[in-house]
PDB file of all heavy atoms in Angstrom:
ATOM      1  N   ASP A   1     -12.316 -26.730 -29.011  1.00  0.00           N
ATOM      2  CA  ASP A   1     -13.125 -25.736 -28.380  1.00  0.00           C
ATOM      3  C   ASP A   1     -14.430 -25.535 -29.172  1.00  0.00           C
ATOM      4  O   ASP A   1     -14.383 -25.384 -30.383  1.00  0.00           O
ATOM      5  CB  ASP A   1     -12.362 -24.385 -28.244  1.00  0.00           C
ATOM      6  CG  ASP A   1     -13.069 -23.355 -27.417  1.00  0.00           C
ATOM      7  OD1 ASP A   1     -14.218 -23.588 -26.996  1.00  0.00           O
ATOM      8  OD2 ASP A   1     -12.521 -22.263 -27.265  1.00  0.00           O
ATOM      9  N   LEU A   2     -15.546 -25.574 -28.514  1.00  0.00           N
ATOM     10  CA  LEU A   2     -16.830 -25.471 -29.164  1.00  0.00           C
ATOM     11  C   LEU A   2     -17.220 -24.005 -29.477  1.00  0.00           C
ATOM     12  O   LEU A   2     -18.201 -23.744 -30.182  1.00  0.00           O
ATOM     13  CB  LEU A   2     -17.966 -26.074 -28.375  1.00  0.00           C
ATOM     14  CG  LEU A   2     -17.771 -27.594 -28.152  1.00  0.00           C
ATOM     15  CD1 LEU A   2     -18.868 -28.154 -27.233  1.00  0.00           C
ATOM     16  CD2 LEU A   2     -17.745 -28.352 -29.452  1.00  0.00           C
ATOM     17  N   THR A   3     -16.498 -23.073 -28.909  1.00  0.00           N
ATOM     18  CA  THR A   3     -16.765 -21.646 -29.133  1.00  0.00           C
ATOM     19  C   THR A   3     -16.448 -21.301 -30.589  1.00  0.00           C
ATOM     20  O   THR A   3     -15.340 -21.543 -31.035  1.00  0.00           O
ATOM     21  CB  THR A   3     -15.913 -20.752 -28.191  1.00  0.00           C
ATOM     22  OG1 THR A   3     -16.079 -21.218 -26.868  1.00  0.00           O
ATOM     23  CG2 THR A   3     -16.290 -19.315 -28.332  1.00  0.00           C
ATOM     24  N   PRO A   4     -17.358 -20.670 -31.325  1.00  0.00           N
ATOM     25  CA  PRO A   4     -17.023 -20.287 -32.708  1.00  0.00           C
ATOM     26  C   PRO A   4     -15.858 -19.340 -32.778  1.00  0.00           C
ATOM     27  O   PRO A   4     -15.809 -18.367 -31.979  1.00  0.00           O
ATOM     28  CB  PRO A   4     -18.340 -19.642 -33.199  1.00  0.00           C
ATOM     29  CG  PRO A   4     -19.363 -19.840 -32.192  1.00  0.00           C
ATOM     30  CD  PRO A   4     -18.686 -20.239 -30.895  1.00  0.00           C
ATOM     31  N   ARG A   5     -14.943 -19.560 -33.630  1.00  0.00           N
ATOM     32  CA  ARG A   5     -13.753 -18.743 -33.769  1.00  0.00           C
ATOM     33  C   ARG A   5     -13.489 -18.422 -35.216  1.00  0.00           C
ATOM     34  O   ARG A   5     -13.731 -19.283 -36.092  1.00  0.00           O
ATOM     35  CB  ARG A   5     -12.552 -19.535 -33.227  1.00  0.00           C
ATOM     36  CG  ARG A   5     -12.283 -19.225 -31.808  1.00  0.00           C
ATOM     37  CD  ARG A   5     -11.150 -18.288 -31.805  1.00  0.00           C
ATOM     38  NE  ARG A   5     -10.749 -17.625 -30.630  1.00  0.00           N
ATOM     39  CZ  ARG A   5     -10.728 -16.341 -30.537  1.00  0.00           C
ATOM     40  NH1 ARG A   5     -11.210 -15.585 -31.435  1.00  0.00           N
ATOM     41  NH2 ARG A   5     -10.231 -15.745 -29.532  1.00  0.00           N
ATOM     42  N   ARG A   6     -12.947 -17.313 -35.492  1.00  0.00           N
ATOM     43  CA  ARG A   6     -12.507 -17.016 -36.836  1.00  0.00           C
ATOM     44  C   ARG A   6     -11.035 -17.434 -36.937  1.00  0.00           C
ATOM     45  O   ARG A   6     -10.276 -17.075 -36.088  1.00  0.00           O
ATOM     46  CB  ARG A   6     -12.589 -15.525 -37.100  1.00  0.00           C
ATOM     47  CG  ARG A   6     -13.911 -15.049 -37.461  1.00  0.00           C
ATOM     48  CD  ARG A   6     -13.943 -13.587 -37.832  1.00  0.00           C
ATOM     49  NE  ARG A   6     -12.625 -13.044 -38.068  1.00  0.00           N
ATOM     50  CZ  ARG A   6     -12.412 -11.943 -38.782  1.00  0.00           C
ATOM     51  NH1 ARG A   6     -13.383 -11.245 -39.225  1.00  0.00           N
ATOM     52  NH2 ARG A   6     -11.178 -11.486 -38.968  1.00  0.00           N
ATOM     53  N   GLY A   7     -10.742 -18.214 -37.940  1.00  0.00           N
ATOM     54  CA  GLY A   7      -9.358 -18.541 -38.166  1.00  0.00           C
ATOM     55  C   GLY A   7      -9.021 -19.979 -37.784  1.00  0.00           C
ATOM     56  O   GLY A   7      -9.769 -20.652 -37.084  1.00  0.00           O
ATOM     57  N   ARG A   8      -7.863 -20.393 -38.221  1.00  0.00           N
ATOM     58  CA  ARG A   8      -7.373 -21.749 -37.981  1.00  0.00           C
ATOM     59  C   ARG A   8      -6.244 -21.688 -36.961  1.00  0.00           C
ATOM     60  O   ARG A   8      -5.327 -20.851 -37.129  1.00  0.00           O
ATOM     61  CB  ARG A   8      -6.829 -22.247 -39.346  1.00  0.00           C
ATOM     62  CG  ARG A   8      -6.128 -23.559 -39.292  1.00  0.00           C
ATOM     63  CD  ARG A   8      -7.067 -24.602 -39.784  1.00  0.00           C
ATOM     64  NE  ARG A   8      -6.327 -25.883 -39.903  1.00  0.00           N
ATOM     65  CZ  ARG A   8      -6.893 -27.007 -39.756  1.00  0.00           C
ATOM     66  NH1 ARG A   8      -8.183 -27.073 -39.462  1.00  0.00           N
ATOM     67  NH2 ARG A   8      -6.196 -28.089 -39.845  1.00  0.00           N
ATOM     68  N   PRO A   9      -6.256 -22.561 -35.941  1.00  0.00           N
ATOM     69  CA  PRO A   9      -5.151 -22.581 -34.968  1.00  0.00           C
ATOM     70  C   PRO A   9      -3.857 -23.049 -35.665  1.00  0.00           C
ATOM     71  O   PRO A   9      -3.869 -24.100 -36.297  1.00  0.00           O
ATOM     72  CB  PRO A   9      -5.622 -23.510 -33.875  1.00  0.00           C
ATOM     73  CG  PRO A   9      -6.950 -23.975 -34.241  1.00  0.00           C
ATOM     74  CD  PRO A   9      -7.287 -23.498 -35.595  1.00  0.00           C
ATOM     75  N   VAL A  10      -2.771 -22.271 -35.502  1.00  0.00           N
ATOM     76  CA  VAL A  10      -1.518 -22.628 -36.111  1.00  0.00           C
ATOM     77  C   VAL A  10      -0.368 -22.304 -35.142  1.00  0.00           C
ATOM     78  O   VAL A  10      -0.488 -21.520 -34.225  1.00  0.00           O
ATOM     79  CB  VAL A  10      -1.221 -21.905 -37.436  1.00  0.00           C
ATOM     80  CG1 VAL A  10      -2.291 -22.227 -38.473  1.00  0.00           C
ATOM     81  CG2 VAL A  10      -1.138 -20.421 -37.209  1.00  0.00           C
ATOM     82  N   MET A  11       0.756 -22.905 -35.431  1.00  0.00           N
ATOM     83  CA  MET A  11       1.986 -22.615 -34.754  1.00  0.00           C
ATOM     84  C   MET A  11       3.010 -22.197 -35.812  1.00  0.00           C
ATOM     85  O   MET A  11       3.075 -22.853 -36.914  1.00  0.00           O
ATOM     86  CB  MET A  11       2.496 -23.869 -33.984  1.00  0.00           C
ATOM     87  CG  MET A  11       3.715 -23.656 -33.169  1.00  0.00           C
ATOM     88  SD  MET A  11       4.193 -25.196 -32.262  1.00  0.00           S
ATOM     89  CE  MET A  11       2.903 -25.206 -31.050  1.00  0.00           C
ATOM     90  N   VAL A  12       3.795 -21.165 -35.645  1.00  0.00           N
ATOM     91  CA  VAL A  12       4.770 -20.691 -36.619  1.00  0.00           C
ATOM     92  C   VAL A  12       6.197 -20.978 -36.086  1.00  0.00           C
ATOM     93  O   VAL A  12       6.512 -20.608 -34.939  1.00  0.00           O
ATOM     94  CB  VAL A  12       4.620 -19.161 -36.839  1.00  0.00           C
ATOM     95  CG1 VAL A  12       5.700 -18.637 -37.772  1.00  0.00           C
ATOM     96  CG2 VAL A  12       3.197 -18.852 -37.346  1.00  0.00           C
ATOM     97  N   TYR A  13       6.950 -21.702 -36.851  1.00  0.00           N
ATOM     98  CA  TYR A  13       8.303 -21.983 -36.409  1.00  0.00           C
ATOM     99  C   TYR A  13       9.286 -22.067 -37.590  1.00  0.00           C
ATOM    100  O   TYR A  13       8.883 -22.165 -38.768  1.00  0.00           O
ATOM    101  CB  TYR A  13       8.348 -23.301 -35.583  1.00  0.00           C
ATOM    102  CG  TYR A  13       8.106 -24.578 -36.320  1.00  0.00           C
ATOM    103  CD1 TYR A  13       9.163 -25.327 -36.832  1.00  0.00           C
ATOM    104  CD2 TYR A  13       6.756 -25.008 -36.504  1.00  0.00           C
ATOM    105  CE1 TYR A  13       8.896 -26.496 -37.481  1.00  0.00           C
ATOM    106  CE2 TYR A  13       6.546 -26.220 -37.155  1.00  0.00           C
ATOM    107  CZ  TYR A  13       7.619 -26.935 -37.641  1.00  0.00           C
ATOM    108  OH  TYR A  13       7.400 -28.128 -38.321  1.00  0.00           O
ATOM    109  N   THR A  14      10.544 -22.077 -37.248  1.00  0.00           N
ATOM    110  CA  THR A  14      11.621 -22.265 -38.233  1.00  0.00           C
ATOM    111  C   THR A  14      12.631 -23.249 -37.678  1.00  0.00           C
ATOM    112  O   THR A  14      12.577 -23.585 -36.464  1.00  0.00           O
ATOM    113  CB  THR A  14      12.330 -20.896 -38.570  1.00  0.00           C
ATOM    114  OG1 THR A  14      13.195 -21.089 -39.713  1.00  0.00           O
ATOM    115  CG2 THR A  14      13.060 -20.341 -37.427  1.00  0.00           C
ATOM    116  N   ILE A  15      13.533 -23.711 -38.498  1.00  0.00           N
ATOM    117  CA  ILE A  15      14.553 -24.681 -38.059  1.00  0.00           C
ATOM    118  C   ILE A  15      15.900 -23.939 -37.903  1.00  0.00           C
ATOM    119  O   ILE A  15      16.313 -23.206 -38.779  1.00  0.00           O
ATOM    120  CB  ILE A  15      14.714 -25.814 -39.068  1.00  0.00           C
ATOM    121  CG1 ILE A  15      13.399 -26.480 -39.470  1.00  0.00           C
ATOM    122  CG2 ILE A  15      15.764 -26.808 -38.561  1.00  0.00           C
ATOM    123  CD1 ILE A  15      12.726 -27.234 -38.369  1.00  0.00           C
ATOM    124  N   GLU A  16      16.497 -24.038 -36.708  1.00  0.00           N
ATOM    125  CA  GLU A  16      17.814 -23.428 -36.433  1.00  0.00           C
ATOM    126  C   GLU A  16      18.665 -24.514 -35.766  1.00  0.00           C
ATOM    127  O   GLU A  16      18.325 -25.021 -34.705  1.00  0.00           O
ATOM    128  CB  GLU A  16      17.667 -22.241 -35.498  1.00  0.00           C
ATOM    129  CG  GLU A  16      18.972 -21.609 -35.194  1.00  0.00           C
ATOM    130  CD  GLU A  16      18.864 -20.631 -34.015  1.00  0.00           C
ATOM    131  OE1 GLU A  16      18.426 -21.011 -32.939  1.00  0.00           O
ATOM    132  OE2 GLU A  16      19.286 -19.467 -34.234  1.00  0.00           O
ATOM    133  N   ASN A  17      19.775 -24.865 -36.395  1.00  0.00           N
ATOM    134  CA  ASN A  17      20.680 -25.882 -35.893  1.00  0.00           C
ATOM    135  C   ASN A  17      19.920 -27.168 -35.515  1.00  0.00           C
ATOM    136  O   ASN A  17      20.064 -27.745 -34.437  1.00  0.00           O
ATOM    137  CB  ASN A  17      21.430 -25.366 -34.663  1.00  0.00           C
ATOM    138  CG  ASN A  17      22.331 -24.200 -35.015  1.00  0.00           C
ATOM    139  OD1 ASN A  17      22.865 -24.082 -36.109  1.00  0.00           O
ATOM    140  ND2 ASN A  17      22.452 -23.270 -34.084  1.00  0.00           N
ATOM    141  N   ASP A  18      19.059 -27.617 -36.413  1.00  0.00           N
ATOM    142  CA  ASP A  18      18.260 -28.813 -36.284  1.00  0.00           C
ATOM    143  C   ASP A  18      17.234 -28.773 -35.139  1.00  0.00           C
ATOM    144  O   ASP A  18      16.701 -29.756 -34.701  1.00  0.00           O
ATOM    145  CB  ASP A  18      19.139 -30.069 -36.088  1.00  0.00           C
ATOM    146  CG  ASP A  18      19.948 -30.333 -37.335  1.00  0.00           C
ATOM    147  OD1 ASP A  18      19.460 -30.113 -38.467  1.00  0.00           O
ATOM    148  OD2 ASP A  18      21.119 -30.775 -37.209  1.00  0.00           O
ATOM    149  N   LYS A  19      16.964 -27.566 -34.608  1.00  0.00           N
ATOM    150  CA  LYS A  19      15.927 -27.384 -33.579  1.00  0.00           C
ATOM    151  C   LYS A  19      14.788 -26.617 -34.189  1.00  0.00           C
ATOM    152  O   LYS A  19      14.977 -25.682 -34.937  1.00  0.00           O
ATOM    153  CB  LYS A  19      16.484 -26.597 -32.367  1.00  0.00           C
ATOM    154  CG  LYS A  19      17.418 -27.348 -31.481  1.00  0.00           C
ATOM    155  CD  LYS A  19      17.732 -26.509 -30.264  1.00  0.00           C
ATOM    156  CE  LYS A  19      18.670 -27.253 -29.335  1.00  0.00           C
ATOM    157  NZ  LYS A  19      19.045 -26.404 -28.214  1.00  0.00           N
ATOM    158  N   LYS A  20      13.569 -27.001 -33.777  1.00  0.00           N
ATOM    159  CA  LYS A  20      12.387 -26.221 -34.164  1.00  0.00           C
ATOM    160  C   LYS A  20      12.203 -25.055 -33.216  1.00  0.00           C
ATOM    161  O   LYS A  20      11.986 -25.264 -32.033  1.00  0.00           O
ATOM    162  CB  LYS A  20      11.166 -27.163 -34.154  1.00  0.00           C
ATOM    163  CG  LYS A  20      11.271 -28.262 -35.179  1.00  0.00           C
ATOM    164  CD  LYS A  20      10.078 -29.203 -35.105  1.00  0.00           C
ATOM    165  CE  LYS A  20      10.239 -30.272 -36.165  1.00  0.00           C
ATOM    166  NZ  LYS A  20       9.200 -31.273 -36.107  1.00  0.00           N
ATOM    167  N   MET A  21      12.379 -23.866 -33.768  1.00  0.00           N
ATOM    168  CA  MET A  21      12.259 -22.631 -32.934  1.00  0.00           C
ATOM    169  C   MET A  21      10.872 -21.992 -33.220  1.00  0.00           C
ATOM    170  O   MET A  21      10.631 -21.501 -34.361  1.00  0.00           O
ATOM    171  CB  MET A  21      13.411 -21.650 -33.253  1.00  0.00           C
ATOM    172  CG  MET A  21      14.763 -22.267 -33.044  1.00  0.00           C
ATOM    173  SD  MET A  21      15.008 -22.854 -31.335  1.00  0.00           S
ATOM    174  CE  MET A  21      14.977 -21.299 -30.471  1.00  0.00           C
ATOM    175  N   VAL A  22      10.039 -21.976 -32.216  1.00  0.00           N
ATOM    176  CA  VAL A  22       8.650 -21.557 -32.354  1.00  0.00           C
ATOM    177  C   VAL A  22       8.465 -20.093 -31.865  1.00  0.00           C
ATOM    178  O   VAL A  22       9.047 -19.686 -30.879  1.00  0.00           O
ATOM    179  CB  VAL A  22       7.743 -22.474 -31.506  1.00  0.00           C
ATOM    180  CG1 VAL A  22       6.305 -22.064 -31.599  1.00  0.00           C
ATOM    181  CG2 VAL A  22       7.940 -23.906 -31.919  1.00  0.00           C
ATOM    182  N   ALA A  23       7.624 -19.384 -32.586  1.00  0.00           N
ATOM    183  CA  ALA A  23       7.261 -17.972 -32.165  1.00  0.00           C
ATOM    184  C   ALA A  23       6.289 -18.102 -30.999  1.00  0.00           C
ATOM    185  O   ALA A  23       5.184 -18.675 -31.153  1.00  0.00           O
ATOM    186  CB  ALA A  23       6.638 -17.217 -33.328  1.00  0.00           C
ATOM    187  N   CYS A  24       6.723 -17.596 -29.813  1.00  0.00           N
ATOM    188  CA  CYS A  24       5.893 -17.674 -28.610  1.00  0.00           C
ATOM    189  C   CYS A  24       5.679 -16.326 -27.978  1.00  0.00           C
ATOM    190  O   CYS A  24       6.601 -15.503 -27.964  1.00  0.00           O
ATOM    191  CB  CYS A  24       6.611 -18.574 -27.549  1.00  0.00           C
ATOM    192  SG  CYS A  24       6.821 -20.264 -28.071  1.00  0.00           S
ATOM    193  N   CYS A  25       4.463 -16.098 -27.456  1.00  0.00           N
ATOM    194  CA  CYS A  25       4.108 -14.867 -26.787  1.00  0.00           C
ATOM    195  C   CYS A  25       4.578 -14.918 -25.326  1.00  0.00           C
ATOM    196  O   CYS A  25       4.357 -15.908 -24.672  1.00  0.00           O
ATOM    197  CB  CYS A  25       2.594 -14.691 -26.755  1.00  0.00           C
ATOM    198  SG  CYS A  25       1.885 -14.790 -28.402  1.00  0.00           S
ATOM    199  N   TYR A  26       5.200 -13.817 -24.840  1.00  0.00           N
ATOM    200  CA  TYR A  26       5.669 -13.797 -23.441  1.00  0.00           C
ATOM    201  C   TYR A  26       4.965 -12.748 -22.613  1.00  0.00           C
ATOM    202  O   TYR A  26       4.973 -12.853 -21.434  1.00  0.00           O
ATOM    203  CB  TYR A  26       7.195 -13.687 -23.390  1.00  0.00           C
ATOM    204  CG  TYR A  26       7.816 -15.001 -23.562  1.00  0.00           C
ATOM    205  CD1 TYR A  26       8.126 -15.473 -24.825  1.00  0.00           C
ATOM    206  CD2 TYR A  26       8.081 -15.784 -22.477  1.00  0.00           C
ATOM    207  CE1 TYR A  26       8.664 -16.727 -24.982  1.00  0.00           C
ATOM    208  CE2 TYR A  26       8.621 -17.074 -22.624  1.00  0.00           C
ATOM    209  CZ  TYR A  26       8.923 -17.506 -23.874  1.00  0.00           C
ATOM    210  OH  TYR A  26       9.473 -18.789 -24.048  1.00  0.00           O
ATOM    211  N   ASP A  27       4.429 -11.818 -23.199  1.00  0.00           N
ATOM    212  CA  ASP A  27       3.545 -10.813 -22.534  1.00  0.00           C
ATOM    213  C   ASP A  27       2.727 -10.175 -23.605  1.00  0.00           C
ATOM    214  O   ASP A  27       2.712 -10.683 -24.737  1.00  0.00           O
ATOM    215  CB  ASP A  27       4.368  -9.820 -21.667  1.00  0.00           C
ATOM    216  CG  ASP A  27       5.264  -8.979 -22.475  1.00  0.00           C
ATOM    217  OD1 ASP A  27       5.023  -8.686 -23.675  1.00  0.00           O
ATOM    218  OD2 ASP A  27       6.336  -8.558 -21.929  1.00  0.00           O
ATOM    219  N   GLU A  28       2.024  -9.140 -23.282  1.00  0.00           N
ATOM    220  CA  GLU A  28       1.124  -8.559 -24.315  1.00  0.00           C
ATOM    221  C   GLU A  28       1.816  -7.928 -25.458  1.00  0.00           C
ATOM    222  O   GLU A  28       1.226  -7.491 -26.376  1.00  0.00           O
ATOM    223  CB  GLU A  28       0.198  -7.550 -23.608  1.00  0.00           C
ATOM    224  CG  GLU A  28      -0.798  -8.176 -22.724  1.00  0.00           C
ATOM    225  CD  GLU A  28      -1.866  -7.174 -22.260  1.00  0.00           C
ATOM    226  OE1 GLU A  28      -1.858  -6.022 -22.650  1.00  0.00           O
ATOM    227  OE2 GLU A  28      -2.668  -7.594 -21.418  1.00  0.00           O
ATOM    228  N   ASN A  29       3.175  -7.899 -25.447  1.00  0.00           N
ATOM    229  CA  ASN A  29       3.912  -7.273 -26.522  1.00  0.00           C
ATOM    230  C   ASN A  29       5.066  -8.168 -27.081  1.00  0.00           C
ATOM    231  O   ASN A  29       5.328  -8.137 -28.266  1.00  0.00           O
ATOM    232  CB  ASN A  29       4.474  -5.937 -26.084  1.00  0.00           C
ATOM    233  CG  ASN A  29       5.117  -5.162 -27.226  1.00  0.00           C
ATOM    234  OD1 ASN A  29       6.351  -5.288 -27.434  1.00  0.00           O
ATOM    235  ND2 ASN A  29       4.332  -4.425 -27.985  1.00  0.00           N
ATOM    236  N   GLN A  30       5.677  -8.937 -26.249  1.00  0.00           N
ATOM    237  CA  GLN A  30       6.919  -9.621 -26.623  1.00  0.00           C
ATOM    238  C   GLN A  30       6.648 -11.000 -27.268  1.00  0.00           C
ATOM    239  O   GLN A  30       5.836 -11.789 -26.823  1.00  0.00           O
ATOM    240  CB  GLN A  30       7.847  -9.864 -25.414  1.00  0.00           C
ATOM    241  CG  GLN A  30       8.302  -8.581 -24.805  1.00  0.00           C
ATOM    242  CD  GLN A  30       9.152  -7.733 -25.747  1.00  0.00           C
ATOM    243  OE1 GLN A  30      10.044  -8.258 -26.389  1.00  0.00           O
ATOM    244  NE2 GLN A  30       8.817  -6.444 -25.859  1.00  0.00           N
ATOM    245  N   VAL A  31       7.436 -11.300 -28.309  1.00  0.00           N
ATOM    246  CA  VAL A  31       7.443 -12.551 -28.998  1.00  0.00           C
ATOM    247  C   VAL A  31       8.854 -13.065 -29.032  1.00  0.00           C
ATOM    248  O   VAL A  31       9.762 -12.359 -29.428  1.00  0.00           O
ATOM    249  CB  VAL A  31       6.905 -12.451 -30.467  1.00  0.00           C
ATOM    250  CG1 VAL A  31       6.955 -13.766 -31.204  1.00  0.00           C
ATOM    251  CG2 VAL A  31       5.440 -11.968 -30.429  1.00  0.00           C
ATOM    252  N   ARG A  32       9.096 -14.286 -28.600  1.00  0.00           N
ATOM    253  CA  ARG A  32      10.426 -14.852 -28.545  1.00  0.00           C
ATOM    254  C   ARG A  32      10.442 -16.191 -29.229  1.00  0.00           C
ATOM    255  O   ARG A  32       9.392 -16.880 -29.316  1.00  0.00           O
ATOM    256  CB  ARG A  32      10.905 -15.053 -27.126  1.00  0.00           C
ATOM    257  CG  ARG A  32      10.993 -13.734 -26.381  1.00  0.00           C
ATOM    258  CD  ARG A  32      11.513 -14.017 -24.962  1.00  0.00           C
ATOM    259  NE  ARG A  32      11.460 -12.764 -24.235  1.00  0.00           N
ATOM    260  CZ  ARG A  32      11.275 -12.660 -22.941  1.00  0.00           C
ATOM    261  NH1 ARG A  32      11.196 -13.755 -22.222  1.00  0.00           N
ATOM    262  NH2 ARG A  32      11.238 -11.519 -22.307  1.00  0.00           N
ATOM    263  N   ALA A  33      11.591 -16.650 -29.647  1.00  0.00           N
ATOM    264  CA  ALA A  33      11.801 -17.965 -30.225  1.00  0.00           C
ATOM    265  C   ALA A  33      12.062 -18.958 -29.098  1.00  0.00           C
ATOM    266  O   ALA A  33      12.927 -18.696 -28.247  1.00  0.00           O
ATOM    267  CB  ALA A  33      12.969 -17.951 -31.212  1.00  0.00           C
ATOM    268  N   GLU A  34      11.374 -20.102 -29.121  1.00  0.00           N
ATOM    269  CA  GLU A  34      11.548 -21.101 -28.105  1.00  0.00           C
ATOM    270  C   GLU A  34      11.588 -22.487 -28.763  1.00  0.00           C
ATOM    271  O   GLU A  34      10.762 -22.734 -29.672  1.00  0.00           O
ATOM    272  CB  GLU A  34      10.378 -21.005 -27.116  1.00  0.00           C
ATOM    273  CG  GLU A  34      10.515 -21.975 -25.938  1.00  0.00           C
ATOM    274  CD  GLU A  34       9.379 -21.762 -24.939  1.00  0.00           C
ATOM    275  OE1 GLU A  34       9.241 -20.664 -24.459  1.00  0.00           O
ATOM    276  OE2 GLU A  34       8.657 -22.759 -24.658  1.00  0.00           O
ATOM    277  N   PRO A  35      12.475 -23.360 -28.356  1.00  0.00           N
ATOM    278  CA  PRO A  35      12.496 -24.714 -28.962  1.00  0.00           C
ATOM    279  C   PRO A  35      11.403 -25.600 -28.483  1.00  0.00           C
ATOM    280  O   PRO A  35      11.261 -25.915 -27.325  1.00  0.00           O
ATOM    281  CB  PRO A  35      13.894 -25.207 -28.531  1.00  0.00           C
ATOM    282  CG  PRO A  35      14.216 -24.506 -27.299  1.00  0.00           C
ATOM    283  CD  PRO A  35      13.545 -23.206 -27.365  1.00  0.00           C
ATOM    284  N   MET A  36      10.465 -25.949 -29.409  1.00  0.00           N
ATOM    285  CA  MET A  36       9.402 -26.904 -29.074  1.00  0.00           C
ATOM    286  C   MET A  36       8.465 -27.007 -30.269  1.00  0.00           C
ATOM    287  O   MET A  36       8.379 -26.126 -31.109  1.00  0.00           O
ATOM    288  CB  MET A  36       8.568 -26.473 -27.881  1.00  0.00           C
ATOM    289  CG  MET A  36       7.600 -25.346 -28.206  1.00  0.00           C
ATOM    290  SD  MET A  36       6.347 -25.209 -26.984  1.00  0.00           S
ATOM    291  CE  MET A  36       6.008 -23.472 -27.116  1.00  0.00           C
ATOM    292  N   VAL A  37       7.757 -28.105 -30.402  1.00  0.00           N
ATOM    293  CA  VAL A  37       6.592 -28.284 -31.285  1.00  0.00           C
ATOM    294  C   VAL A  37       5.837 -29.456 -30.666  1.00  0.00           C
ATOM    295  O   VAL A  37       6.055 -30.628 -30.991  1.00  0.00           O
ATOM    296  CB  VAL A  37       6.904 -28.526 -32.703  1.00  0.00           C
ATOM    297  CG1 VAL A  37       5.612 -28.813 -33.549  1.00  0.00           C
ATOM    298  CG2 VAL A  37       7.620 -27.321 -33.365  1.00  0.00           C
ATOM    299  N   PRO A  38       4.932 -29.195 -29.678  1.00  0.00           N
ATOM    300  CA  PRO A  38       4.157 -30.268 -29.034  1.00  0.00           C
ATOM    301  C   PRO A  38       3.160 -30.887 -29.986  1.00  0.00           C
ATOM    302  O   PRO A  38       2.693 -30.231 -30.930  1.00  0.00           O
ATOM    303  CB  PRO A  38       3.494 -29.585 -27.881  1.00  0.00           C
ATOM    304  CG  PRO A  38       3.422 -28.155 -28.247  1.00  0.00           C
ATOM    305  CD  PRO A  38       4.569 -27.903 -29.162  1.00  0.00           C
ATOM    306  N   ASN A  39       2.839 -32.136 -29.797  1.00  0.00           N
ATOM    307  CA  ASN A  39       1.757 -32.803 -30.595  1.00  0.00           C
ATOM    308  C   ASN A  39       0.379 -32.384 -30.122  1.00  0.00           C
ATOM    309  O   ASN A  39      -0.499 -32.206 -30.947  1.00  0.00           O
ATOM    310  CB  ASN A  39       1.899 -34.294 -30.516  1.00  0.00           C
ATOM    311  CG  ASN A  39       3.104 -34.822 -31.268  1.00  0.00           C
ATOM    312  OD1 ASN A  39       3.477 -34.227 -32.286  1.00  0.00           O
ATOM    313  ND2 ASN A  39       3.708 -35.879 -30.826  1.00  0.00           N
ATOM    314  N   ASN A  40       0.222 -32.252 -28.829  1.00  0.00           N
ATOM    315  CA  ASN A  40      -1.102 -31.866 -28.313  1.00  0.00           C
ATOM    316  C   ASN A  40      -0.885 -30.796 -27.221  1.00  0.00           C
ATOM    317  O   ASN A  40       0.078 -30.844 -26.493  1.00  0.00           O
ATOM    318  CB  ASN A  40      -1.804 -33.070 -27.749  1.00  0.00           C
ATOM    319  CG  ASN A  40      -2.099 -34.125 -28.765  1.00  0.00           C
ATOM    320  OD1 ASN A  40      -2.694 -33.798 -29.800  1.00  0.00           O
ATOM    321  ND2 ASN A  40      -1.751 -35.344 -28.502  1.00  0.00           N
ATOM    322  N   ILE A  41      -1.841 -29.984 -27.132  1.00  0.00           N
ATOM    323  CA  ILE A  41      -1.868 -28.912 -26.124  1.00  0.00           C
ATOM    324  C   ILE A  41      -3.160 -28.969 -25.376  1.00  0.00           C
ATOM    325  O   ILE A  41      -4.242 -28.728 -25.992  1.00  0.00           O
ATOM    326  CB  ILE A  41      -1.628 -27.526 -26.738  1.00  0.00           C
ATOM    327  CG1 ILE A  41      -0.247 -27.489 -27.385  1.00  0.00           C
ATOM    328  CG2 ILE A  41      -1.707 -26.435 -25.682  1.00  0.00           C
ATOM    329  CD1 ILE A  41       0.010 -26.253 -28.239  1.00  0.00           C
ATOM    330  N   ASP A  42      -3.166 -29.371 -24.097  1.00  0.00           N
ATOM    331  CA  ASP A  42      -4.399 -29.558 -23.355  1.00  0.00           C
ATOM    332  C   ASP A  42      -4.848 -28.259 -22.661  1.00  0.00           C
ATOM    333  O   ASP A  42      -5.074 -28.247 -21.460  1.00  0.00           O
ATOM    334  CB  ASP A  42      -4.215 -30.661 -22.335  1.00  0.00           C
ATOM    335  CG  ASP A  42      -4.054 -32.033 -23.011  1.00  0.00           C
ATOM    336  OD1 ASP A  42      -4.566 -32.223 -24.129  1.00  0.00           O
ATOM    337  OD2 ASP A  42      -3.360 -32.889 -22.459  1.00  0.00           O
ATOM    338  N   GLU A  43      -4.936 -27.202 -23.401  1.00  0.00           N
ATOM    339  CA  GLU A  43      -5.349 -25.898 -22.923  1.00  0.00           C
ATOM    340  C   GLU A  43      -6.185 -25.219 -23.972  1.00  0.00           C
ATOM    341  O   GLU A  43      -6.117 -25.557 -25.133  1.00  0.00           O
ATOM    342  CB  GLU A  43      -4.127 -25.037 -22.627  1.00  0.00           C
ATOM    343  CG  GLU A  43      -3.143 -25.650 -21.638  1.00  0.00           C
ATOM    344  CD  GLU A  43      -1.835 -24.850 -21.652  1.00  0.00           C
ATOM    345  OE1 GLU A  43      -1.869 -23.632 -21.517  1.00  0.00           O
ATOM    346  OE2 GLU A  43      -0.788 -25.498 -21.669  1.00  0.00           O
ATOM    347  N   THR A  44      -6.956 -24.212 -23.567  1.00  0.00           N
ATOM    348  CA  THR A  44      -7.719 -23.471 -24.535  1.00  0.00           C
ATOM    349  C   THR A  44      -6.953 -22.304 -25.139  1.00  0.00           C
ATOM    350  O   THR A  44      -7.322 -21.722 -26.132  1.00  0.00           O
ATOM    351  CB  THR A  44      -9.001 -22.860 -23.877  1.00  0.00           C
ATOM    352  OG1 THR A  44      -8.639 -22.050 -22.782  1.00  0.00           O
ATOM    353  CG2 THR A  44      -9.944 -23.996 -23.455  1.00  0.00           C
TER     354      THR A  44
END
């Protein structure tokens, strides 16, 4: 993205039973663990 941004894009995850469990936003308040770590994300 060419828009100036403060900060570095990151994904936060942990390993549970050999699965990568990622912190994901589900609405303006909820954060849930979801299994994934994609290589590329074609969205802004």
